[in-house]
Amino acid sequence: MSTFERGVAALTQYQARENTLTVPRKHTETLHPAEGGEEVLVRLGIWLSNTRSRRTKLTDQQRAALAGLGHHWAR
């Protein structure tokens, strides 16, 4: 799983639990993997901030994934 995919998975998990896409910058999300894998810590607030500031470098598929979650800046 790539760093971007981990970030999207963590953001999806966070959104489902908190019902918002507003992530505090210092927030760390624990990804719970399927089928006995190890938990992964994702510094979600920093990942989201960095992704937003570097959005011009995202691929069309990456922007579509973020826009599909509701991030208007990714369109």
C-alpha atoms as a PDB file:
ATOM      1  CA  MET A   1       0.000   0.000   0.000  1.00  0.00           C
ATOM      2  CA  SER A   2       1.437   3.372  -0.997  1.00  0.00           C
ATOM      3  CA  THR A   3       1.674   6.371   1.304  1.00  0.00           C
ATOM      4  CA  PHE A   4      -1.175   8.024  -0.576  1.00  0.00           C
ATOM      5  CA  GLU A   5      -3.378   4.937  -0.278  1.00  0.00           C
ATOM      6  CA  ARG A   6      -2.664   4.744   3.467  1.00  0.00           C
ATOM      7  CA  GLY A   7      -3.578   8.406   3.807  1.00  0.00           C
ATOM      8  CA  VAL A   8      -6.856   7.964   1.952  1.00  0.00           C
ATOM      9  CA  ALA A   9      -7.688   4.858   4.004  1.00  0.00           C
ATOM     10  CA  ALA A  10      -6.954   6.748   7.234  1.00  0.00           C
ATOM     11  CA  LEU A  11      -8.999   9.730   6.069  1.00  0.00           C
ATOM     12  CA  THR A  12     -11.916   7.460   5.135  1.00  0.00           C
ATOM     13  CA  GLN A  13     -11.766   5.777   8.546  1.00  0.00           C
ATOM     14  CA  TYR A  14     -11.576   9.158  10.303  1.00  0.00           C
ATOM     15  CA  GLN A  15     -14.502  10.555   8.302  1.00  0.00           C
ATOM     16  CA  ALA A  16     -16.673   7.505   9.052  1.00  0.00           C
ATOM     17  CA  ARG A  17     -15.987   7.791  12.787  1.00  0.00           C
ATOM     18  CA  GLU A  18     -16.009  11.592  13.234  1.00  0.00           C
ATOM     19  CA  ASN A  19     -18.429  12.521  10.422  1.00  0.00           C
ATOM     20  CA  THR A  20     -16.126  15.347   9.310  1.00  0.00           C
ATOM     21  CA  LEU A  21     -13.120  15.918   7.089  1.00  0.00           C
ATOM     22  CA  THR A  22     -11.664  18.567   9.382  1.00  0.00           C
ATOM     23  CA  VAL A  23      -8.598  16.873  10.820  1.00  0.00           C
ATOM     24  CA  PRO A  24      -6.459  18.568  13.482  1.00  0.00           C
ATOM     25  CA  ARG A  25      -2.881  18.991  12.261  1.00  0.00           C
ATOM     26  CA  LYS A  26      -1.439  16.886  15.098  1.00  0.00           C
ATOM     27  CA  HIS A  27      -3.945  14.038  14.733  1.00  0.00           C
ATOM     28  CA  THR A  28      -2.585  10.516  14.271  1.00  0.00           C
ATOM     29  CA  GLU A  29      -4.984   7.872  12.957  1.00  0.00           C
ATOM     30  CA  THR A  30      -4.492   4.193  13.689  1.00  0.00           C
ATOM     31  CA  LEU A  31      -5.374   2.056  10.673  1.00  0.00           C
ATOM     32  CA  HIS A  32      -6.807  -1.297  11.599  1.00  0.00           C
ATOM     33  CA  PRO A  33      -5.830  -3.715   8.839  1.00  0.00           C
ATOM     34  CA  ALA A  34      -7.940  -6.610   7.679  1.00  0.00           C
ATOM     35  CA  GLU A  35      -6.986 -10.189   8.383  1.00  0.00           C
ATOM     36  CA  GLY A  36      -4.351 -10.088  11.082  1.00  0.00           C
ATOM     37  CA  GLY A  37      -1.979  -7.457   9.734  1.00  0.00           C
ATOM     38  CA  GLU A  38      -0.239  -4.996  12.022  1.00  0.00           C
ATOM     39  CA  GLU A  39      -1.813  -1.682  12.936  1.00  0.00           C
ATOM     40  CA  VAL A  40      -0.345   1.304  11.103  1.00  0.00           C
ATOM     41  CA  LEU A  41      -0.090   4.810  12.535  1.00  0.00           C
ATOM     42  CA  VAL A  42      -0.762   7.565  10.000  1.00  0.00           C
ATOM     43  CA  ARG A  43       0.030  11.157  10.892  1.00  0.00           C
ATOM     44  CA  LEU A  44      -3.191  12.143   9.177  1.00  0.00           C
ATOM     45  CA  GLY A  45      -3.242  15.861   9.944  1.00  0.00           C
ATOM     46  CA  ILE A  46       0.256  16.360   8.571  1.00  0.00           C
ATOM     47  CA  TRP A  47      -0.399  14.068   5.588  1.00  0.00           C
ATOM     48  CA  LEU A  48      -3.540  16.007   4.688  1.00  0.00           C
ATOM     49  CA  SER A  49      -1.803  19.376   5.061  1.00  0.00           C
ATOM     50  CA  ASN A  50       1.138  18.265   2.919  1.00  0.00           C
ATOM     51  CA  THR A  51      -1.143  16.701   0.304  1.00  0.00           C
ATOM     52  CA  ARG A  52      -3.173  19.873   0.040  1.00  0.00           C
ATOM     53  CA  SER A  53      -0.109  22.091  -0.306  1.00  0.00           C
ATOM     54  CA  ARG A  54       1.303  19.769  -2.998  1.00  0.00           C
ATOM     55  CA  ARG A  55      -1.990  19.169  -4.818  1.00  0.00           C
ATOM     56  CA  THR A  56      -0.564  20.260  -8.167  1.00  0.00           C
ATOM     57  CA  LYS A  57       1.664  17.158  -8.091  1.00  0.00           C
ATOM     58  CA  LEU A  58      -1.244  14.738  -7.562  1.00  0.00           C
ATOM     59  CA  THR A  59      -2.395  12.495 -10.373  1.00  0.00           C
ATOM     60  CA  ASP A  60      -5.928  12.774 -11.730  1.00  0.00           C
ATOM     61  CA  GLN A  61      -6.869   9.548  -9.920  1.00  0.00           C
ATOM     62  CA  GLN A  62      -5.483  10.847  -6.617  1.00  0.00           C
ATOM     63  CA  ARG A  63      -7.381  14.122  -6.983  1.00  0.00           C
ATOM     64  CA  ALA A  64     -10.543  12.200  -7.858  1.00  0.00           C
ATOM     65  CA  ALA A  65     -10.166  10.021  -4.758  1.00  0.00           C
ATOM     66  CA  LEU A  66      -9.892  13.082  -2.510  1.00  0.00           C
ATOM     67  CA  ALA A  67     -12.689  14.926  -4.298  1.00  0.00           C
ATOM     68  CA  GLY A  68     -14.871  11.830  -3.905  1.00  0.00           C
ATOM     69  CA  LEU A  69     -14.419  12.068  -0.154  1.00  0.00           C
ATOM     70  CA  GLY A  70     -15.534  15.690  -0.250  1.00  0.00           C
ATOM     71  CA  HIS A  71     -12.387  17.785  -0.459  1.00  0.00           C
ATOM     72  CA  HIS A  72     -13.354  20.631  -2.801  1.00  0.00           C
ATOM     73  CA  TRP A  73      -9.722  21.777  -3.175  1.00  0.00           C
ATOM     74  CA  ALA A  74      -8.831  18.499  -4.911  1.00  0.00           C
ATOM     75  CA  ARG A  75     -11.041  19.130  -7.956  1.00  0.00           C
END
